Amino acid sequence: MRELLGDTEGAIDMMRQAALGASAREPEHSAWVPSAVGQSVFNSGQLQEARQWYELALRTFPITTTP
């Protein structure tokens, strides 16, 4: 809601807190939050931090491919 109302930094801060408090019991759901944080910080131009959040999402729920 904060992001929709123009408070991008406030939204990112709230999502950071949610990502750091996510439960490891449901890794797919837990990976969604850092990927959302990554998208928000990417959109605000913070590319290095975005990469760190995307990498956390991938460590939480690795993407596997099958041939």
N, C-alpha and C. Protein backbone atom coordinates (compact mmCIF):
# COMPACT_ATOMS: atom_id res chain seq x y z
N MET A 1 0.82 -1.18 0.00
CA MET A 1 0.00 0.00 0.00
C MET A 1 0.88 1.26 0.00
N ARG A 2 1.97 1.21 0.76
CA ARG A 2 2.85 2.38 0.81
C ARG A 2 3.40 2.71 -0.57
N GLU A 3 3.79 1.68 -1.30
CA GLU A 3 4.34 1.91 -2.64
C GLU A 3 3.28 2.52 -3.54
N LEU A 4 2.06 2.06 -3.46
CA LEU A 4 0.98 2.59 -4.29
C LEU A 4 0.67 4.05 -3.96
N LEU A 5 0.91 4.42 -2.70
CA LEU A 5 0.66 5.80 -2.27
C LEU A 5 1.88 6.70 -2.44
N GLY A 6 2.93 6.17 -3.07
CA GLY A 6 4.10 6.99 -3.37
C GLY A 6 5.21 6.94 -2.34
N ASP A 7 5.05 6.16 -1.30
CA ASP A 7 6.09 6.04 -0.27
C ASP A 7 6.96 4.83 -0.59
N THR A 8 7.75 4.94 -1.65
CA THR A 8 8.56 3.82 -2.11
C THR A 8 9.55 3.37 -1.04
N GLU A 9 10.26 4.31 -0.44
CA GLU A 9 11.26 3.95 0.58
C GLU A 9 10.60 3.29 1.78
N GLY A 10 9.44 3.79 2.20
CA GLY A 10 8.72 3.17 3.31
C GLY A 10 8.27 1.75 2.97
N ALA A 11 7.83 1.56 1.73
CA ALA A 11 7.42 0.22 1.28
C ALA A 11 8.60 -0.73 1.28
N ILE A 12 9.72 -0.27 0.77
CA ILE A 12 10.92 -1.10 0.72
C ILE A 12 11.35 -1.47 2.14
N ASP A 13 11.31 -0.51 3.04
CA ASP A 13 11.71 -0.77 4.43
C ASP A 13 10.81 -1.83 5.06
N MET A 14 9.51 -1.73 4.85
CA MET A 14 8.58 -2.73 5.40
C MET A 14 8.82 -4.10 4.79
N MET A 15 9.09 -4.16 3.48
CA MET A 15 9.35 -5.45 2.84
C MET A 15 10.67 -6.04 3.30
N ARG A 16 11.67 -5.19 3.55
CA ARG A 16 12.94 -5.70 4.10
C ARG A 16 12.69 -6.40 5.43
N GLN A 17 11.89 -5.75 6.29
CA GLN A 17 11.59 -6.34 7.60
C GLN A 17 10.86 -7.67 7.43
N ALA A 18 9.91 -7.73 6.51
CA ALA A 18 9.17 -8.97 6.27
C ALA A 18 10.09 -10.07 5.75
N ALA A 19 11.01 -9.71 4.85
CA ALA A 19 11.92 -10.70 4.28
C ALA A 19 12.83 -11.28 5.35
N LEU A 20 13.30 -10.45 6.25
CA LEU A 20 14.22 -10.93 7.28
C LEU A 20 13.50 -11.74 8.36
N GLY A 21 12.18 -11.61 8.45
CA GLY A 21 11.43 -12.36 9.45
C GLY A 21 10.66 -13.55 8.89
N ALA A 22 10.88 -13.87 7.63
CA ALA A 22 10.14 -14.96 6.99
C ALA A 22 10.50 -16.32 7.58
N SER A 23 9.54 -17.20 7.60
CA SER A 23 9.73 -18.55 8.12
C SER A 23 10.37 -19.44 7.06
N ALA A 24 11.26 -20.31 7.50
CA ALA A 24 11.92 -21.24 6.58
C ALA A 24 11.06 -22.47 6.31
N ARG A 25 9.92 -22.57 6.95
CA ARG A 25 9.06 -23.74 6.77
C ARG A 25 8.45 -23.83 5.38
N GLU A 26 8.21 -22.71 4.75
CA GLU A 26 7.62 -22.68 3.42
C GLU A 26 8.56 -21.90 2.50
N PRO A 27 9.60 -22.56 1.98
CA PRO A 27 10.63 -21.83 1.24
C PRO A 27 10.11 -21.09 0.01
N GLU A 28 9.13 -21.64 -0.68
CA GLU A 28 8.62 -20.94 -1.86
C GLU A 28 7.98 -19.62 -1.48
N HIS A 29 7.18 -19.64 -0.43
CA HIS A 29 6.57 -18.40 0.04
C HIS A 29 7.62 -17.45 0.62
N SER A 30 8.57 -18.02 1.34
CA SER A 30 9.63 -17.20 1.93
C SER A 30 10.51 -16.56 0.87
N ALA A 31 10.65 -17.18 -0.28
CA ALA A 31 11.46 -16.62 -1.36
C ALA A 31 10.74 -15.49 -2.08
N TRP A 32 9.41 -15.46 -2.00
CA TRP A 32 8.66 -14.42 -2.70
C TRP A 32 8.99 -13.04 -2.13
N VAL A 33 9.09 -12.94 -0.82
CA VAL A 33 9.31 -11.63 -0.20
C VAL A 33 10.63 -11.01 -0.64
N PRO A 34 11.78 -11.72 -0.55
CA PRO A 34 13.01 -11.08 -1.02
C PRO A 34 12.99 -10.79 -2.52
N SER A 35 12.26 -11.57 -3.30
CA SER A 35 12.17 -11.25 -4.72
C SER A 35 11.36 -9.97 -4.93
N ALA A 36 10.34 -9.76 -4.11
CA ALA A 36 9.56 -8.52 -4.19
C ALA A 36 10.39 -7.32 -3.74
N VAL A 37 11.18 -7.51 -2.68
CA VAL A 37 12.07 -6.43 -2.25
C VAL A 37 13.06 -6.12 -3.37
N GLY A 38 13.62 -7.17 -3.98
CA GLY A 38 14.55 -6.98 -5.08
C GLY A 38 13.94 -6.19 -6.21
N GLN A 39 12.70 -6.49 -6.55
CA GLN A 39 12.03 -5.76 -7.63
C GLN A 39 11.83 -4.30 -7.27
N SER A 40 11.44 -4.03 -6.04
CA SER A 40 11.22 -2.64 -5.62
C SER A 40 12.51 -1.84 -5.59
N VAL A 41 13.58 -2.43 -5.05
CA VAL A 41 14.83 -1.67 -5.00
C VAL A 41 15.43 -1.55 -6.41
N PHE A 42 15.21 -2.55 -7.26
CA PHE A 42 15.64 -2.45 -8.66
C PHE A 42 14.93 -1.28 -9.34
N ASN A 43 13.61 -1.20 -9.13
CA ASN A 43 12.84 -0.12 -9.74
C ASN A 43 13.25 1.26 -9.23
N SER A 44 13.81 1.32 -8.02
CA SER A 44 14.25 2.60 -7.49
C SER A 44 15.72 2.89 -7.80
N GLY A 45 16.34 2.02 -8.61
CA GLY A 45 17.71 2.27 -9.07
C GLY A 45 18.81 1.70 -8.20
N GLN A 46 18.47 0.91 -7.20
CA GLN A 46 19.47 0.35 -6.29
C GLN A 46 19.84 -1.05 -6.78
N LEU A 47 20.60 -1.10 -7.85
CA LEU A 47 20.86 -2.35 -8.55
C LEU A 47 21.67 -3.35 -7.73
N GLN A 48 22.67 -2.90 -7.02
CA GLN A 48 23.49 -3.81 -6.22
C GLN A 48 22.67 -4.46 -5.12
N GLU A 49 21.86 -3.66 -4.43
CA GLU A 49 21.02 -4.23 -3.38
C GLU A 49 19.97 -5.17 -3.98
N ALA A 50 19.44 -4.82 -5.14
CA ALA A 50 18.46 -5.70 -5.81
C ALA A 50 19.08 -7.07 -6.06
N ARG A 51 20.30 -7.07 -6.53
CA ARG A 51 20.97 -8.35 -6.80
C ARG A 51 21.08 -9.19 -5.53
N GLN A 52 21.42 -8.54 -4.42
CA GLN A 52 21.55 -9.27 -3.15
C GLN A 52 20.22 -9.89 -2.74
N TRP A 53 19.11 -9.18 -2.94
CA TRP A 53 17.80 -9.72 -2.58
C TRP A 53 17.41 -10.86 -3.51
N TYR A 54 17.68 -10.70 -4.81
CA TYR A 54 17.38 -11.78 -5.76
C TYR A 54 18.19 -13.03 -5.43
N GLU A 55 19.45 -12.85 -5.07
CA GLU A 55 20.28 -14.00 -4.70
C GLU A 55 19.76 -14.68 -3.45
N LEU A 56 19.28 -13.90 -2.48
CA LEU A 56 18.68 -14.48 -1.28
C LEU A 56 17.44 -15.29 -1.65
N ALA A 57 16.62 -14.77 -2.53
CA ALA A 57 15.42 -15.50 -2.97
C ALA A 57 15.82 -16.83 -3.61
N LEU A 58 16.86 -16.81 -4.43
CA LEU A 58 17.29 -18.05 -5.09
C LEU A 58 17.91 -19.04 -4.11
N ARG A 59 18.59 -18.55 -3.09
CA ARG A 59 19.12 -19.45 -2.07
C ARG A 59 17.99 -20.06 -1.23
N THR A 60 16.93 -19.27 -1.02
CA THR A 60 15.80 -19.74 -0.23
C THR A 60 15.00 -20.78 -0.97
N PHE A 61 14.79 -20.55 -2.26
CA PHE A 61 14.03 -21.48 -3.08
C PHE A 61 14.70 -21.56 -4.45
N PRO A 62 15.70 -22.45 -4.59
CA PRO A 62 16.45 -22.54 -5.84
C PRO A 62 15.55 -22.95 -7.01
N ILE A 63 15.82 -22.35 -8.14
CA ILE A 63 15.12 -22.72 -9.36
C ILE A 63 15.89 -23.86 -9.99
N THR A 64 15.19 -24.92 -10.29
CA THR A 64 15.83 -26.04 -10.96
C THR A 64 15.19 -26.22 -12.31
N THR A 65 15.98 -26.68 -13.25
CA THR A 65 15.46 -26.93 -14.59
C THR A 65 15.67 -28.40 -14.90
N THR A 66 14.80 -28.93 -15.69
CA THR A 66 14.93 -30.30 -16.12
C THR A 66 15.05 -30.31 -17.64
N PRO A 67 15.85 -31.23 -18.16
CA PRO A 67 16.04 -31.27 -19.63
C PRO A 67 14.79 -31.69 -20.35
